Amino acid sequence: MLNRLARSAHELDEWLHQNVGRAYVAILGWGLVASMIGSVTVLGHALSGGRSGLTPALTLVFQAALLVNQLAQWNDLAERRRRRKERV
């Protein structure tokens, strides 16, 4: 079921890219920027919290991984845009 949901989301994403175009990419870009700012904020709080233990460590690992993934998505959007401009 999760695979079907992921495949459907991918197909919808492709459809939105093709049919909505720039507006969809703009929404994704702004959403990624806001999410990255949120991740950096959470990382900053986790680092400056001064607490020790498993929860702050897990928060750091999770937020760092999330930030890496968001940056990769940002790069994917930029690459897709560059390829589209080269075709025109």
C-alpha atoms as a PDB file:
ATOM      1  CA  MET A   1       0.000   0.000   0.000  1.00  0.00           C
ATOM      2  CA  LEU A   2       2.808   2.407   0.858  1.00  0.00           C
ATOM      3  CA  ASN A   3       4.483   1.645  -2.478  1.00  0.00           C
ATOM      4  CA  ARG A   4       1.241   2.368  -4.338  1.00  0.00           C
ATOM      5  CA  LEU A   5       0.830   5.636  -2.447  1.00  0.00           C
ATOM      6  CA  ALA A   6       4.423   6.652  -3.238  1.00  0.00           C
ATOM      7  CA  ARG A   7       3.998   5.756  -6.918  1.00  0.00           C
ATOM      8  CA  SER A   8       0.740   7.739  -7.095  1.00  0.00           C
ATOM      9  CA  ALA A   9       2.413  10.733  -5.427  1.00  0.00           C
ATOM     10  CA  HIS A  10       5.255  10.552  -7.951  1.00  0.00           C
ATOM     11  CA  GLU A  11       2.797  10.420 -10.853  1.00  0.00           C
ATOM     12  CA  LEU A  12       0.857  13.373  -9.431  1.00  0.00           C
ATOM     13  CA  ASP A  13       4.109  15.305  -8.972  1.00  0.00           C
ATOM     14  CA  GLU A  14       5.047  14.680 -12.611  1.00  0.00           C
ATOM     15  CA  TRP A  15       1.568  15.728 -13.758  1.00  0.00           C
ATOM     16  CA  LEU A  16       1.733  18.926 -11.700  1.00  0.00           C
ATOM     17  CA  HIS A  17       5.164  19.741 -13.122  1.00  0.00           C
ATOM     18  CA  GLN A  18       3.867  19.290 -16.656  1.00  0.00           C
ATOM     19  CA  ASN A  19       0.471  20.950 -16.296  1.00  0.00           C
ATOM     20  CA  VAL A  20       0.881  23.602 -13.608  1.00  0.00           C
ATOM     21  CA  GLY A  21       4.536  24.316 -14.330  1.00  0.00           C
ATOM     22  CA  ARG A  22       6.167  27.373 -12.816  1.00  0.00           C
ATOM     23  CA  ALA A  23       3.515  27.974 -10.173  1.00  0.00           C
ATOM     24  CA  TYR A  24       3.981  24.434  -8.829  1.00  0.00           C
ATOM     25  CA  VAL A  25       7.767  24.755  -8.851  1.00  0.00           C
ATOM     26  CA  ALA A  26       7.513  28.123  -7.087  1.00  0.00           C
ATOM     27  CA  ILE A  27       5.307  26.621  -4.374  1.00  0.00           C
ATOM     28  CA  LEU A  28       7.763  23.748  -3.940  1.00  0.00           C
ATOM     29  CA  GLY A  29      10.736  26.096  -3.840  1.00  0.00           C
ATOM     30  CA  TRP A  30       9.231  28.401  -1.232  1.00  0.00           C
ATOM     31  CA  GLY A  31       8.061  25.418   0.800  1.00  0.00           C
ATOM     32  CA  LEU A  32      11.538  23.920   0.751  1.00  0.00           C
ATOM     33  CA  VAL A  33      13.111  27.215   1.810  1.00  0.00           C
ATOM     34  CA  ALA A  34      10.663  27.548   4.714  1.00  0.00           C
ATOM     35  CA  SER A  35      11.245  23.942   5.718  1.00  0.00           C
ATOM     36  CA  MET A  36      15.044  24.344   5.572  1.00  0.00           C
ATOM     37  CA  ILE A  37      14.832  27.447   7.757  1.00  0.00           C
ATOM     38  CA  GLY A  38      12.728  25.444  10.205  1.00  0.00           C
ATOM     39  CA  SER A  39      15.264  22.604  10.210  1.00  0.00           C
ATOM     40  CA  VAL A  40      18.142  24.987  10.858  1.00  0.00           C
ATOM     41  CA  THR A  41      16.148  26.599  13.688  1.00  0.00           C
ATOM     42  CA  VAL A  42      15.436  23.236  15.314  1.00  0.00           C
ATOM     43  CA  LEU A  43      19.096  22.246  14.912  1.00  0.00           C
ATOM     44  CA  GLY A  44      20.161  25.494  16.556  1.00  0.00           C
ATOM     45  CA  HIS A  45      17.834  24.938  19.502  1.00  0.00           C
ATOM     46  CA  ALA A  46      19.002  21.343  19.880  1.00  0.00           C
ATOM     47  CA  LEU A  47      22.652  22.408  19.825  1.00  0.00           C
ATOM     48  CA  SER A  48      22.201  25.290  22.259  1.00  0.00           C
ATOM     49  CA  GLY A  49      19.878  23.446  24.619  1.00  0.00           C
ATOM     50  CA  GLY A  50      22.720  22.229  26.778  1.00  0.00           C
ATOM     51  CA  ARG A  51      20.868  19.024  27.534  1.00  0.00           C
ATOM     52  CA  SER A  52      22.509  15.675  27.166  1.00  0.00           C
ATOM     53  CA  GLY A  53      20.960  12.328  26.480  1.00  0.00           C
ATOM     54  CA  LEU A  54      19.341  10.371  23.739  1.00  0.00           C
ATOM     55  CA  THR A  55      16.504  12.728  22.750  1.00  0.00           C
ATOM     56  CA  PRO A  56      18.684  15.743  21.818  1.00  0.00           C
ATOM     57  CA  ALA A  57      21.089  13.431  19.972  1.00  0.00           C
ATOM     58  CA  LEU A  58      18.259  11.847  17.994  1.00  0.00           C
ATOM     59  CA  THR A  59      16.845  15.291  17.247  1.00  0.00           C
ATOM     60  CA  LEU A  60      20.217  16.400  15.890  1.00  0.00           C
ATOM     61  CA  VAL A  61      20.606  13.312  13.719  1.00  0.00           C
ATOM     62  CA  PHE A  62      17.050  13.497  12.391  1.00  0.00           C
ATOM     63  CA  GLN A  63      17.136  17.231  11.641  1.00  0.00           C
ATOM     64  CA  ALA A  64      20.572  16.984  10.005  1.00  0.00           C
ATOM     65  CA  ALA A  65      19.347  14.133   7.768  1.00  0.00           C
ATOM     66  CA  LEU A  66      16.179  16.084   6.964  1.00  0.00           C
ATOM     67  CA  LEU A  67      18.200  19.158   6.041  1.00  0.00           C
ATOM     68  CA  VAL A  68      20.452  17.110   3.730  1.00  0.00           C
ATOM     69  CA  ASN A  69      17.352  15.659   2.057  1.00  0.00           C
ATOM     70  CA  GLN A  70      15.790  19.110   1.647  1.00  0.00           C
ATOM     71  CA  LEU A  71      18.958  20.478   0.090  1.00  0.00           C
ATOM     72  CA  ALA A  72      18.986  17.520  -2.317  1.00  0.00           C
ATOM     73  CA  GLN A  73      15.359  18.256  -3.263  1.00  0.00           C
ATOM     74  CA  TRP A  74      16.272  21.909  -3.809  1.00  0.00           C
ATOM     75  CA  ASN A  75      19.083  20.779  -6.109  1.00  0.00           C
ATOM     76  CA  ASP A  76      16.700  18.470  -7.996  1.00  0.00           C
ATOM     77  CA  LEU A  77      14.300  21.367  -8.578  1.00  0.00           C
ATOM     78  CA  ALA A  78      17.133  23.572  -9.814  1.00  0.00           C
ATOM     79  CA  GLU A  79      18.426  20.842 -12.161  1.00  0.00           C
ATOM     80  CA  ARG A  80      14.955  20.245 -13.564  1.00  0.00           C
ATOM     81  CA  ARG A  81      14.607  23.978 -14.188  1.00  0.00           C
ATOM     82  CA  ARG A  82      18.009  24.175 -15.910  1.00  0.00           C
ATOM     83  CA  ARG A  83      17.153  21.237 -18.181  1.00  0.00           C
ATOM     84  CA  ARG A  84      13.815  22.841 -19.081  1.00  0.00           C
ATOM     85  CA  LYS A  85      15.536  26.140 -19.963  1.00  0.00           C
ATOM     86  CA  GLU A  86      18.074  24.322 -22.147  1.00  0.00           C
ATOM     87  CA  ARG A  87      15.256  22.708 -24.150  1.00  0.00           C
ATOM     88  CA  VAL A  88      13.605  26.049 -24.881  1.00  0.00           C
END
